[in-house]
Amino acid sequence: MNIQDLATRVIAGERRALAQAITLVESGRADHRQQSVDLLEELASSNRQALRIGLSGTPGVGKSTFIETFGMFLIEQGMKVAVLAVDPSSARSGGSILGDKTRMEHLSREKNAFIRPSPSQSQLGGVARRTREAVTLCEAAGFDIVLIETVGVGQSETMVAEMSDLFLLLLAPAGGDELQGVKRGIMEIADLILINKADGDLKQAALRTRADYSGALRLLRKRVYDPEGFPKAMTVSAITKDGLPAAWQAMRELIDWRRDHGHWDKRRAQQARHWFEEDVRIGLLSALDQADIKSRIETLGKQVAAGQISATRAAEDILTHLRPPPNA
């Protein structure tokens, strides 16, 4: 594979080249991994940045419908939109339905939109293992907005905050008790809470839910990278588009404030540092898949199960085996 040619075609905005590049970075093969590293280094010179928006929500809240409506709204504003949708993988077979693209019928036909569903492959954090690199590829391809849809609300969904500039939490209208069902951790990282389905018979319920969450947000500790009034709760309707312009205005207001006060660049630098350390951890864990290490783990595992050695001693044995000699 000619990596330089692929990089040139990605920068030129070729959709097929972008899809090929994402497939490459998602591959688990060792040779593909090295090629993907070379590709990302080639693309670094493009120095393009998109607005990265992470989005999560409770099951049935209408994430796909909202993303399609929001994506079409952004395209009408003259922007190019990429959607990276992460679908849950089966713990048994490893398979994934990858149905998000079929649910976004109109957006998928837009020439200024790119939708890429990826399996989570049991990766925690609500995103796929290489979603961050896919975001970088979309930026290099010239997209203005990259929407990152996570698997769904959970305590581990906070990982998406480490690769996005804005994090939207999408919720459905409900009674006040619903507030107890959303984890505090994900509320603390949300920049905007959007109450979807604020139309028809559900509009009043949506307004009450917004009031509930507005009150809850006021109880959270003030964040240094937020202006007055953020984070905030708002109502939107993916069907009627009510509230969508106001929500987009709030997003732009927040991002402009963070840029003007230096928080954008600082946050991007912190994220780069985080993913460097994360890649090191992933690399160390992959070392455990080496044949001799796996055999040693299997042997020690049987001894631990039989009570012949403590779990702590067995773990130290493996770690000692992984460490290089003192004079190496």
C-alpha atoms as a PDB file:
ATOM      1  CA  MET A   1       0.000   0.000   0.000  1.00  0.00           C
ATOM      2  CA  ASN A   2       1.301   3.431  -0.961  1.00  0.00           C
ATOM      3  CA  ILE A   3       0.797   5.407   2.261  1.00  0.00           C
ATOM      4  CA  GLN A   4       1.857   8.740   0.781  1.00  0.00           C
ATOM      5  CA  ASP A   5      -0.647   8.375  -2.073  1.00  0.00           C
ATOM      6  CA  LEU A   6      -3.393   7.430   0.385  1.00  0.00           C
ATOM      7  CA  ALA A   7      -2.588  10.471   2.533  1.00  0.00           C
ATOM      8  CA  THR A   8      -2.733  12.742  -0.523  1.00  0.00           C
ATOM      9  CA  ARG A   9      -6.140  11.386  -1.499  1.00  0.00           C
ATOM     10  CA  VAL A  10      -7.483  11.739   2.061  1.00  0.00           C
ATOM     11  CA  ILE A  11      -6.359  15.387   2.197  1.00  0.00           C
ATOM     12  CA  ALA A  12      -8.042  15.904  -1.187  1.00  0.00           C
ATOM     13  CA  GLY A  13     -11.304  14.800   0.425  1.00  0.00           C
ATOM     14  CA  GLU A  14     -11.790  11.521  -1.463  1.00  0.00           C
ATOM     15  CA  ARG A  15     -14.481   9.603   0.424  1.00  0.00           C
ATOM     16  CA  ARG A  16     -13.245   6.189  -0.716  1.00  0.00           C
ATOM     17  CA  ALA A  17      -9.727   7.023   0.462  1.00  0.00           C
ATOM     18  CA  LEU A  18     -11.087   8.166   3.846  1.00  0.00           C
ATOM     19  CA  ALA A  19     -13.051   4.925   4.260  1.00  0.00           C
ATOM     20  CA  GLN A  20      -9.940   2.931   3.311  1.00  0.00           C
ATOM     21  CA  ALA A  21      -7.841   4.894   5.794  1.00  0.00           C
ATOM     22  CA  ILE A  22     -10.295   4.284   8.658  1.00  0.00           C
ATOM     23  CA  THR A  23     -10.363   0.567   7.840  1.00  0.00           C
ATOM     24  CA  LEU A  24      -6.560   0.590   8.014  1.00  0.00           C
ATOM     25  CA  VAL A  25      -6.365   2.254  11.453  1.00  0.00           C
ATOM     26  CA  GLU A  26      -9.078  -0.058  12.816  1.00  0.00           C
ATOM     27  CA  SER A  27      -7.212  -3.182  11.699  1.00  0.00           C
ATOM     28  CA  GLY A  28      -5.589  -5.331  14.358  1.00  0.00           C
ATOM     29  CA  ARG A  29      -2.833  -6.648  12.088  1.00  0.00           C
ATOM     30  CA  ALA A  30       0.697  -5.651  13.102  1.00  0.00           C
ATOM     31  CA  ASP A  31       1.708  -4.576   9.568  1.00  0.00           C
ATOM     32  CA  HIS A  32      -1.471  -2.514   9.229  1.00  0.00           C
ATOM     33  CA  ARG A  33      -0.757  -0.895  12.582  1.00  0.00           C
ATOM     34  CA  GLN A  34       2.635   0.304  11.388  1.00  0.00           C
ATOM     35  CA  GLN A  35       1.116   1.576   8.146  1.00  0.00           C
ATOM     36  CA  SER A  36      -1.560   3.466  10.068  1.00  0.00           C
ATOM     37  CA  VAL A  37       1.118   5.152  12.208  1.00  0.00           C
ATOM     38  CA  ASP A  38       2.927   6.209   9.019  1.00  0.00           C
ATOM     39  CA  LEU A  39      -0.349   7.474   7.554  1.00  0.00           C
ATOM     40  CA  LEU A  40      -1.194   9.591  10.598  1.00  0.00           C
ATOM     41  CA  GLU A  41       2.282  11.127  10.512  1.00  0.00           C
ATOM     42  CA  GLU A  42       1.839  11.981   6.832  1.00  0.00           C
ATOM     43  CA  LEU A  43      -1.499  13.647   7.578  1.00  0.00           C
ATOM     44  CA  ALA A  44      -0.157  15.676  10.501  1.00  0.00           C
ATOM     45  CA  SER A  45       1.190  18.240   8.045  1.00  0.00           C
ATOM     46  CA  SER A  46      -2.353  19.142   6.939  1.00  0.00           C
ATOM     47  CA  ASN A  47      -2.822  20.846  10.330  1.00  0.00           C
ATOM     48  CA  ARG A  48      -6.611  20.845   9.919  1.00  0.00           C
ATOM     49  CA  GLN A  49      -8.970  21.041  12.890  1.00  0.00           C
ATOM     50  CA  ALA A  50     -12.673  20.280  13.037  1.00  0.00           C
ATOM     51  CA  LEU A  51     -15.143  20.898  15.820  1.00  0.00           C
ATOM     52  CA  ARG A  52     -15.399  17.534  17.570  1.00  0.00           C
ATOM     53  CA  ILE A  53     -18.789  16.930  19.169  1.00  0.00           C
ATOM     54  CA  GLY A  54     -19.339  13.862  21.316  1.00  0.00           C
ATOM     55  CA  LEU A  55     -22.919  12.725  21.821  1.00  0.00           C
ATOM     56  CA  SER A  56     -24.464  10.157  24.103  1.00  0.00           C
ATOM     57  CA  GLY A  57     -27.972   9.435  25.276  1.00  0.00           C
ATOM     58  CA  THR A  58     -30.319   7.040  26.976  1.00  0.00           C
ATOM     59  CA  PRO A  59     -31.747   4.124  24.935  1.00  0.00           C
ATOM     60  CA  GLY A  60     -34.699   5.181  22.779  1.00  0.00           C
ATOM     61  CA  VAL A  61     -33.935   8.880  23.075  1.00  0.00           C
ATOM     62  CA  GLY A  62     -33.573   9.228  19.311  1.00  0.00           C
ATOM     63  CA  LYS A  63     -29.813   9.715  18.904  1.00  0.00           C
ATOM     64  CA  SER A  64     -29.763   8.669  15.249  1.00  0.00           C
ATOM     65  CA  THR A  65     -32.758  10.860  14.383  1.00  0.00           C
ATOM     66  CA  PHE A  66     -31.208  13.814  16.184  1.00  0.00           C
ATOM     67  CA  ILE A  67     -27.829  13.324  14.485  1.00  0.00           C
ATOM     68  CA  GLU A  68     -29.459  13.161  11.063  1.00  0.00           C
ATOM     69  CA  THR A  69     -31.535  16.311  11.686  1.00  0.00           C
ATOM     70  CA  PHE A  70     -28.600  18.154  13.252  1.00  0.00           C
ATOM     71  CA  GLY A  71     -26.256  17.014  10.483  1.00  0.00           C
ATOM     72  CA  MET A  72     -28.640  18.235   7.781  1.00  0.00           C
ATOM     73  CA  PHE A  73     -28.997  21.537   9.667  1.00  0.00           C
ATOM     74  CA  LEU A  74     -25.209  22.003   9.708  1.00  0.00           C
ATOM     75  CA  ILE A  75     -24.899  21.141   6.011  1.00  0.00           C
ATOM     76  CA  GLU A  76     -27.511  23.794   5.251  1.00  0.00           C
ATOM     77  CA  GLN A  77     -25.166  26.238   7.027  1.00  0.00           C
ATOM     78  CA  GLY A  78     -22.483  25.326   4.446  1.00  0.00           C
ATOM     79  CA  MET A  79     -20.514  22.839   6.559  1.00  0.00           C
ATOM     80  CA  LYS A  80     -19.150  19.355   5.892  1.00  0.00           C
ATOM     81  CA  VAL A  81     -20.175  16.819   8.531  1.00  0.00           C
ATOM     82  CA  ALA A  82     -18.636  13.465   9.449  1.00  0.00           C
ATOM     83  CA  VAL A  83     -20.449  11.033  11.756  1.00  0.00           C
ATOM     84  CA  LEU A  84     -18.562   8.309  13.609  1.00  0.00           C
ATOM     85  CA  ALA A  85     -21.204   6.027  15.101  1.00  0.00           C
ATOM     86  CA  VAL A  86     -20.124   3.311  17.524  1.00  0.00           C
ATOM     87  CA  ASP A  87     -22.358   0.250  17.763  1.00  0.00           C
ATOM     88  CA  PRO A  88     -22.153  -2.268  20.627  1.00  0.00           C
ATOM     89  CA  SER A  89     -20.481  -5.573  19.796  1.00  0.00           C
ATOM     90  CA  SER A  90     -21.699  -8.950  20.950  1.00  0.00           C
ATOM     91  CA  ALA A  91     -19.665 -10.266  23.863  1.00  0.00           C
ATOM     92  CA  ARG A  92     -20.230 -13.786  22.521  1.00  0.00           C
ATOM     93  CA  SER A  93     -19.595 -13.478  18.769  1.00  0.00           C
ATOM     94  CA  GLY A  94     -17.885 -10.083  18.544  1.00  0.00           C
ATOM     95  CA  GLY A  95     -20.349  -9.115  15.824  1.00  0.00           C
ATOM     96  CA  SER A  96     -22.156  -5.796  15.517  1.00  0.00           C
ATOM     97  CA  ILE A  97     -25.265  -4.719  13.626  1.00  0.00           C
ATOM     98  CA  LEU A  98     -23.823  -1.355  12.476  1.00  0.00           C
ATOM     99  CA  GLY A  99     -27.307  -0.059  11.728  1.00  0.00           C
ATOM    100  CA  ASP A 100     -26.755   3.670  12.275  1.00  0.00           C
ATOM    101  CA  LYS A 101     -26.064   4.420   8.615  1.00  0.00           C
ATOM    102  CA  THR A 102     -29.337   2.827   7.508  1.00  0.00           C
ATOM    103  CA  ARG A 103     -31.241   4.881  10.103  1.00  0.00           C
ATOM    104  CA  MET A 104     -29.788   8.130   8.724  1.00  0.00           C
ATOM    105  CA  GLU A 105     -31.316   7.773   5.288  1.00  0.00           C
ATOM    106  CA  HIS A 106     -31.222  11.421   4.197  1.00  0.00           C
ATOM    107  CA  LEU A 107     -27.861  12.304   5.720  1.00  0.00           C
ATOM    108  CA  SER A 108     -26.189   9.256   4.186  1.00  0.00           C
ATOM    109  CA  ARG A 109     -27.082  10.528   0.704  1.00  0.00           C
ATOM    110  CA  GLU A 110     -25.601  13.983   1.242  1.00  0.00           C
ATOM    111  CA  LYS A 111     -22.344  14.650  -0.638  1.00  0.00           C
ATOM    112  CA  ASN A 112     -21.108  16.842   2.230  1.00  0.00           C
ATOM    113  CA  ALA A 113     -21.702  14.120   4.825  1.00  0.00           C
ATOM    114  CA  PHE A 114     -19.714  11.017   5.702  1.00  0.00           C
ATOM    115  CA  ILE A 115     -21.088   8.332   8.031  1.00  0.00           C
ATOM    116  CA  ARG A 116     -18.898   5.580   9.388  1.00  0.00           C
ATOM    117  CA  PRO A 117     -20.344   2.994  11.806  1.00  0.00           C
ATOM    118  CA  SER A 118     -17.752   1.026  13.785  1.00  0.00           C
ATOM    119  CA  PRO A 119     -18.087  -1.886  16.233  1.00  0.00           C
ATOM    120  CA  SER A 120     -17.097  -1.153  19.827  1.00  0.00           C
ATOM    121  CA  GLN A 121     -15.395  -4.592  20.002  1.00  0.00           C
ATOM    122  CA  SER A 122     -16.111  -4.663  23.750  1.00  0.00           C
ATOM    123  CA  GLN A 123     -14.024  -1.520  24.217  1.00  0.00           C
ATOM    124  CA  LEU A 124     -15.042   0.397  27.323  1.00  0.00           C
ATOM    125  CA  GLY A 125     -15.744   4.108  27.215  1.00  0.00           C
ATOM    126  CA  GLY A 126     -18.586   4.060  24.700  1.00  0.00           C
ATOM    127  CA  VAL A 127     -16.231   4.466  21.750  1.00  0.00           C
ATOM    128  CA  ALA A 128     -14.275   2.076  19.554  1.00  0.00           C
ATOM    129  CA  ARG A 129     -10.579   1.538  20.205  1.00  0.00           C
ATOM    130  CA  ARG A 130      -9.477   3.622  17.206  1.00  0.00           C
ATOM    131  CA  THR A 131     -12.241   6.249  17.169  1.00  0.00           C
ATOM    132  CA  ARG A 132      -9.754   8.961  18.096  1.00  0.00           C
ATOM    133  CA  GLU A 133      -7.621   8.156  15.046  1.00  0.00           C
ATOM    134  CA  ALA A 134     -10.724   8.069  12.836  1.00  0.00           C
ATOM    135  CA  VAL A 135     -11.526  11.596  14.073  1.00  0.00           C
ATOM    136  CA  THR A 136      -8.035  12.718  13.022  1.00  0.00           C
ATOM    137  CA  LEU A 137      -8.574  11.233   9.560  1.00  0.00           C
ATOM    138  CA  CYS A 138     -11.900  13.059   9.162  1.00  0.00           C
ATOM    139  CA  GLU A 139     -10.229  16.328  10.153  1.00  0.00           C
ATOM    140  CA  ALA A 140      -7.484  15.779   7.580  1.00  0.00           C
ATOM    141  CA  ALA A 141     -10.163  15.091   4.947  1.00  0.00           C
ATOM    142  CA  GLY A 142     -11.530  18.610   5.464  1.00  0.00           C
ATOM    143  CA  PHE A 143     -14.692  18.030   7.494  1.00  0.00           C
ATOM    144  CA  ASP A 144     -15.795  20.998   9.577  1.00  0.00           C
ATOM    145  CA  ILE A 145     -17.769  19.019  12.176  1.00  0.00           C
ATOM    146  CA  VAL A 146     -17.106  15.497  13.464  1.00  0.00           C
ATOM    147  CA  LEU A 147     -19.989  13.982  15.440  1.00  0.00           C
ATOM    148  CA  ILE A 148     -18.985  11.062  17.660  1.00  0.00           C
ATOM    149  CA  GLU A 149     -21.972   8.983  18.729  1.00  0.00           C
ATOM    150  CA  THR A 150     -21.226   6.693  21.659  1.00  0.00           C
ATOM    151  CA  VAL A 151     -22.780   3.317  22.422  1.00  0.00           C
ATOM    152  CA  GLY A 152     -25.097   4.676  25.126  1.00  0.00           C
ATOM    153  CA  VAL A 153     -25.275   6.173  28.591  1.00  0.00           C
ATOM    154  CA  GLY A 154     -23.161   4.490  31.233  1.00  0.00           C
ATOM    155  CA  GLN A 155     -20.427   5.200  33.746  1.00  0.00           C
ATOM    156  CA  SER A 156     -17.727   4.444  31.173  1.00  0.00           C
ATOM    157  CA  GLU A 157     -19.109   6.875  28.575  1.00  0.00           C
ATOM    158  CA  THR A 158     -16.867   9.634  29.910  1.00  0.00           C
ATOM    159  CA  MET A 159     -14.052   8.427  27.607  1.00  0.00           C
ATOM    160  CA  VAL A 160     -15.596  10.371  24.721  1.00  0.00           C
ATOM    161  CA  ALA A 161     -14.805  13.615  26.553  1.00  0.00           C
ATOM    162  CA  GLU A 162     -11.118  12.883  25.960  1.00  0.00           C
ATOM    163  CA  MET A 163     -11.548  13.167  22.189  1.00  0.00           C
ATOM    164  CA  SER A 164     -14.201  15.876  21.781  1.00  0.00           C
ATOM    165  CA  ASP A 165     -14.430  19.641  22.151  1.00  0.00           C
ATOM    166  CA  LEU A 166     -18.091  19.545  23.170  1.00  0.00           C
ATOM    167  CA  PHE A 167     -20.060  16.784  24.833  1.00  0.00           C
ATOM    168  CA  LEU A 168     -23.831  16.644  24.366  1.00  0.00           C
ATOM    169  CA  LEU A 169     -26.034  14.472  26.560  1.00  0.00           C
ATOM    170  CA  LEU A 170     -29.340  13.672  24.882  1.00  0.00           C
ATOM    171  CA  LEU A 171     -32.250  12.743  27.162  1.00  0.00           C
ATOM    172  CA  ALA A 172     -35.946  12.001  26.708  1.00  0.00           C
ATOM    173  CA  PRO A 173     -38.803  13.773  28.524  1.00  0.00           C
ATOM    174  CA  ALA A 174     -39.626  11.993  31.762  1.00  0.00           C
ATOM    175  CA  GLY A 175     -40.657  12.476  35.342  1.00  0.00           C
ATOM    176  CA  GLY A 176     -38.321  13.825  37.981  1.00  0.00           C
ATOM    177  CA  ASP A 177     -37.392  10.306  39.067  1.00  0.00           C
ATOM    178  CA  GLU A 178     -35.574   9.874  35.739  1.00  0.00           C
ATOM    179  CA  LEU A 179     -32.894  12.198  37.115  1.00  0.00           C
ATOM    180  CA  GLN A 180     -31.801   9.367  39.392  1.00  0.00           C
ATOM    181  CA  GLY A 181     -31.133   7.094  36.419  1.00  0.00           C
ATOM    182  CA  VAL A 182     -28.395   9.232  34.867  1.00  0.00           C
ATOM    183  CA  LYS A 183     -24.937   8.798  36.349  1.00  0.00           C
ATOM    184  CA  ARG A 184     -23.397  11.833  38.023  1.00  0.00           C
ATOM    185  CA  GLY A 185     -20.117  11.254  36.155  1.00  0.00           C
ATOM    186  CA  ILE A 186     -21.624  11.743  32.734  1.00  0.00           C
ATOM    187  CA  MET A 187     -23.547  14.817  33.883  1.00  0.00           C
ATOM    188  CA  GLU A 188     -20.331  16.382  35.150  1.00  0.00           C
ATOM    189  CA  ILE A 189     -18.705  16.193  31.720  1.00  0.00           C
ATOM    190  CA  ALA A 190     -21.762  17.274  29.706  1.00  0.00           C
ATOM    191  CA  ASP A 191     -21.517  20.742  28.172  1.00  0.00           C
ATOM    192  CA  LEU A 192     -25.151  20.752  27.055  1.00  0.00           C
ATOM    193  CA  ILE A 193     -28.019  18.526  28.126  1.00  0.00           C
ATOM    194  CA  LEU A 194     -30.566  18.388  25.320  1.00  0.00           C
ATOM    195  CA  ILE A 195     -34.056  17.142  26.122  1.00  0.00           C
ATOM    196  CA  ASN A 196     -35.201  15.626  22.831  1.00  0.00           C
ATOM    197  CA  LYS A 197     -38.777  14.933  21.657  1.00  0.00           C
ATOM    198  CA  ALA A 198     -39.942  18.341  22.905  1.00  0.00           C
ATOM    199  CA  ASP A 199     -42.978  18.332  20.618  1.00  0.00           C
ATOM    200  CA  GLY A 200     -46.644  17.338  20.659  1.00  0.00           C
ATOM    201  CA  ASP A 201     -47.922  15.721  23.838  1.00  0.00           C
ATOM    202  CA  LEU A 202     -44.387  15.438  25.232  1.00  0.00           C
ATOM    203  CA  LYS A 203     -43.552  19.132  25.063  1.00  0.00           C
ATOM    204  CA  GLN A 204     -44.721  19.992  28.585  1.00  0.00           C
ATOM    205  CA  ALA A 205     -42.941  16.947  29.998  1.00  0.00           C
ATOM    206  CA  ALA A 206     -39.784  18.057  28.172  1.00  0.00           C
ATOM    207  CA  LEU A 207     -40.017  21.525  29.707  1.00  0.00           C
ATOM    208  CA  ARG A 208     -40.388  20.016  33.185  1.00  0.00           C
ATOM    209  CA  THR A 209     -37.415  17.708  32.562  1.00  0.00           C
ATOM    210  CA  ARG A 210     -35.315  20.672  31.428  1.00  0.00           C
ATOM    211  CA  ALA A 211     -36.186  22.488  34.650  1.00  0.00           C
ATOM    212  CA  ASP A 212     -35.203  19.413  36.701  1.00  0.00           C
ATOM    213  CA  TYR A 213     -31.801  19.150  35.026  1.00  0.00           C
ATOM    214  CA  SER A 214     -31.193  22.896  35.126  1.00  0.00           C
ATOM    215  CA  GLY A 215     -31.613  22.696  38.878  1.00  0.00           C
ATOM    216  CA  ALA A 216     -29.321  19.675  39.117  1.00  0.00           C
ATOM    217  CA  LEU A 217     -26.613  21.391  37.046  1.00  0.00           C
ATOM    218  CA  ARG A 218     -26.581  24.367  39.407  1.00  0.00           C
ATOM    219  CA  LEU A 219     -25.580  22.016  42.221  1.00  0.00           C
ATOM    220  CA  LEU A 220     -22.489  20.788  40.367  1.00  0.00           C
ATOM    221  CA  ARG A 221     -19.120  22.410  40.962  1.00  0.00           C
ATOM    222  CA  LYS A 222     -18.304  25.311  38.620  1.00  0.00           C
ATOM    223  CA  ARG A 223     -15.803  24.389  35.889  1.00  0.00           C
ATOM    224  CA  VAL A 224     -12.982  26.809  35.063  1.00  0.00           C
ATOM    225  CA  TYR A 225     -13.349  26.237  31.310  1.00  0.00           C
ATOM    226  CA  ASP A 226     -17.029  27.296  31.220  1.00  0.00           C
ATOM    227  CA  PRO A 227     -18.487  30.818  30.954  1.00  0.00           C
ATOM    228  CA  GLU A 228     -21.415  31.911  33.096  1.00  0.00           C
ATOM    229  CA  GLY A 229     -24.551  29.887  32.365  1.00  0.00           C
ATOM    230  CA  PHE A 230     -22.795  26.682  31.280  1.00  0.00           C
ATOM    231  CA  PRO A 231     -23.339  23.793  31.341  1.00  0.00           C
ATOM    232  CA  LYS A 232     -27.011  24.228  30.573  1.00  0.00           C
ATOM    233  CA  ALA A 233     -30.116  22.170  29.749  1.00  0.00           C
ATOM    234  CA  MET A 234     -32.185  22.942  26.650  1.00  0.00           C
ATOM    235  CA  THR A 235     -35.130  21.400  24.792  1.00  0.00           C
ATOM    236  CA  VAL A 236     -34.988  20.301  21.149  1.00  0.00           C
ATOM    237  CA  SER A 237     -37.092  18.314  18.721  1.00  0.00           C
ATOM    238  CA  ALA A 238     -35.391  16.182  16.081  1.00  0.00           C
ATOM    239  CA  ILE A 239     -38.757  15.961  14.292  1.00  0.00           C
ATOM    240  CA  THR A 240     -39.877  19.608  14.137  1.00  0.00           C
ATOM    241  CA  LYS A 241     -36.345  21.092  14.495  1.00  0.00           C
ATOM    242  CA  ASP A 242     -37.616  23.346  17.296  1.00  0.00           C
ATOM    243  CA  GLY A 243     -34.765  24.425  19.550  1.00  0.00           C
ATOM    244  CA  LEU A 244     -32.067  23.281  17.127  1.00  0.00           C
ATOM    245  CA  PRO A 245     -30.875  26.782  16.076  1.00  0.00           C
ATOM    246  CA  ALA A 246     -30.746  27.859  19.738  1.00  0.00           C
ATOM    247  CA  ALA A 247     -28.770  24.739  20.693  1.00  0.00           C
ATOM    248  CA  TRP A 248     -26.277  25.349  17.873  1.00  0.00           C
ATOM    249  CA  GLN A 249     -25.944  28.984  18.948  1.00  0.00           C
ATOM    250  CA  ALA A 250     -25.171  27.838  22.498  1.00  0.00           C
ATOM    251  CA  MET A 251     -22.503  25.440  21.174  1.00  0.00           C
ATOM    252  CA  ARG A 252     -20.868  28.198  19.133  1.00  0.00           C
ATOM    253  CA  GLU A 253     -20.996  30.597  22.079  1.00  0.00           C
ATOM    254  CA  LEU A 254     -19.276  28.074  24.344  1.00  0.00           C
ATOM    255  CA  ILE A 255     -16.581  27.160  21.818  1.00  0.00           C
ATOM    256  CA  ASP A 256     -15.860  30.824  20.967  1.00  0.00           C
ATOM    257  CA  TRP A 257     -15.472  31.618  24.669  1.00  0.00           C
ATOM    258  CA  ARG A 258     -13.093  28.694  25.184  1.00  0.00           C
ATOM    259  CA  ARG A 259     -11.011  29.722  22.158  1.00  0.00           C
ATOM    260  CA  ASP A 260     -10.804  33.342  23.333  1.00  0.00           C
ATOM    261  CA  HIS A 261      -9.736  32.319  26.843  1.00  0.00           C
ATOM    262  CA  GLY A 262      -7.141  29.724  25.784  1.00  0.00           C
ATOM    263  CA  HIS A 263      -9.090  26.684  26.988  1.00  0.00           C
ATOM    264  CA  TRP A 264      -9.454  25.183  23.472  1.00  0.00           C
ATOM    265  CA  ASP A 265      -5.697  24.801  22.867  1.00  0.00           C
ATOM    266  CA  LYS A 266      -5.051  23.743  26.447  1.00  0.00           C
ATOM    267  CA  ARG A 267      -7.731  21.055  26.255  1.00  0.00           C
ATOM    268  CA  ARG A 268      -6.437  19.749  22.923  1.00  0.00           C
ATOM    269  CA  ALA A 269      -2.923  19.505  24.431  1.00  0.00           C
ATOM    270  CA  GLN A 270      -4.251  17.613  27.464  1.00  0.00           C
ATOM    271  CA  GLN A 271      -6.112  15.205  25.197  1.00  0.00           C
ATOM    272  CA  ALA A 272      -2.988  14.546  23.126  1.00  0.00           C
ATOM    273  CA  ARG A 273      -1.076  13.743  26.331  1.00  0.00           C
ATOM    274  CA  HIS A 274      -3.902  11.465  27.525  1.00  0.00           C
ATOM    275  CA  TRP A 275      -3.930   9.436  24.301  1.00  0.00           C
ATOM    276  CA  PHE A 276      -0.144   9.107  24.288  1.00  0.00           C
ATOM    277  CA  GLU A 277      -0.342   7.506  27.737  1.00  0.00           C
ATOM    278  CA  GLU A 278      -3.359   5.414  26.674  1.00  0.00           C
ATOM    279  CA  ASP A 279      -1.465   4.049  23.653  1.00  0.00           C
ATOM    280  CA  VAL A 280       1.425   3.090  25.924  1.00  0.00           C
ATOM    281  CA  ARG A 281      -0.977   1.205  28.219  1.00  0.00           C
ATOM    282  CA  ILE A 282      -2.600  -0.563  25.268  1.00  0.00           C
ATOM    283  CA  GLY A 283       0.838  -1.521  23.941  1.00  0.00           C
ATOM    284  CA  LEU A 284       1.844  -2.990  27.290  1.00  0.00           C
ATOM    285  CA  LEU A 285      -1.380  -4.981  27.491  1.00  0.00           C
ATOM    286  CA  SER A 286      -0.847  -6.321  23.971  1.00  0.00           C
ATOM    287  CA  ALA A 287       2.503  -7.698  25.137  1.00  0.00           C
ATOM    288  CA  LEU A 288       0.527 -10.141  27.268  1.00  0.00           C
ATOM    289  CA  ASP A 289      -0.697 -11.788  24.068  1.00  0.00           C
ATOM    290  CA  GLN A 290       2.782 -13.048  23.206  1.00  0.00           C
ATOM    291  CA  ALA A 291       2.877 -16.843  23.150  1.00  0.00           C
ATOM    292  CA  ASP A 292       5.450 -17.279  25.931  1.00  0.00           C
ATOM    293  CA  ILE A 293       3.657 -14.794  28.204  1.00  0.00           C
ATOM    294  CA  LYS A 294       0.245 -16.380  27.592  1.00  0.00           C
ATOM    295  CA  SER A 295       1.702 -19.799  28.413  1.00  0.00           C
ATOM    296  CA  ARG A 296       3.256 -18.447  31.606  1.00  0.00           C
ATOM    297  CA  ILE A 297      -0.038 -16.797  32.617  1.00  0.00           C
ATOM    298  CA  GLU A 298      -1.902 -20.050  32.016  1.00  0.00           C
ATOM    299  CA  THR A 299       0.538 -22.022  34.167  1.00  0.00           C
ATOM    300  CA  LEU A 300       0.523 -19.501  37.005  1.00  0.00           C
ATOM    301  CA  GLY A 301      -3.256 -19.184  36.766  1.00  0.00           C
ATOM    302  CA  LYS A 302      -3.648 -22.883  37.481  1.00  0.00           C
ATOM    303  CA  GLN A 303      -1.267 -22.620  40.445  1.00  0.00           C
ATOM    304  CA  VAL A 304      -3.233 -19.649  41.840  1.00  0.00           C
ATOM    305  CA  ALA A 305      -6.515 -21.557  41.442  1.00  0.00           C
ATOM    306  CA  ALA A 306      -4.992 -24.556  43.250  1.00  0.00           C
ATOM    307  CA  GLY A 307      -3.764 -22.383  46.109  1.00  0.00           C
ATOM    308  CA  GLN A 308      -0.118 -23.158  45.386  1.00  0.00           C
ATOM    309  CA  ILE A 309       0.825 -19.503  44.934  1.00  0.00           C
ATOM    310  CA  SER A 310      -0.808 -16.192  45.817  1.00  0.00           C
ATOM    311  CA  ALA A 311      -2.348 -14.016  43.119  1.00  0.00           C
ATOM    312  CA  THR A 312      -0.022 -11.167  44.122  1.00  0.00           C
ATOM    313  CA  ARG A 313       3.102 -13.339  43.781  1.00  0.00           C
ATOM    314  CA  ALA A 314       1.923 -14.681  40.411  1.00  0.00           C
ATOM    315  CA  ALA A 315       1.261 -11.174  39.102  1.00  0.00           C
ATOM    316  CA  GLU A 316       4.706 -10.010  40.240  1.00  0.00           C
ATOM    317  CA  ASP A 317       6.233 -12.976  38.394  1.00  0.00           C
ATOM    318  CA  ILE A 318       4.606 -11.891  35.137  1.00  0.00           C
ATOM    319  CA  LEU A 319       5.588  -8.230  35.602  1.00  0.00           C
ATOM    320  CA  THR A 320       9.188  -9.225  36.357  1.00  0.00           C
ATOM    321  CA  HIS A 321       9.216 -11.321  33.194  1.00  0.00           C
ATOM    322  CA  LEU A 322       8.027  -8.294  31.171  1.00  0.00           C
ATOM    323  CA  ARG A 323      10.623  -5.903  32.580  1.00  0.00           C
ATOM    324  CA  PRO A 324      13.858  -5.533  30.598  1.00  0.00           C
ATOM    325  CA  PRO A 325      17.137  -6.532  32.281  1.00  0.00           C
ATOM    326  CA  PRO A 326      18.721  -3.722  34.390  1.00  0.00           C
ATOM    327  CA  ASN A 327      21.588  -3.198  31.946  1.00  0.00           C
ATOM    328  CA  ALA A 328      19.474  -3.404  28.781  1.00  0.00           C
END
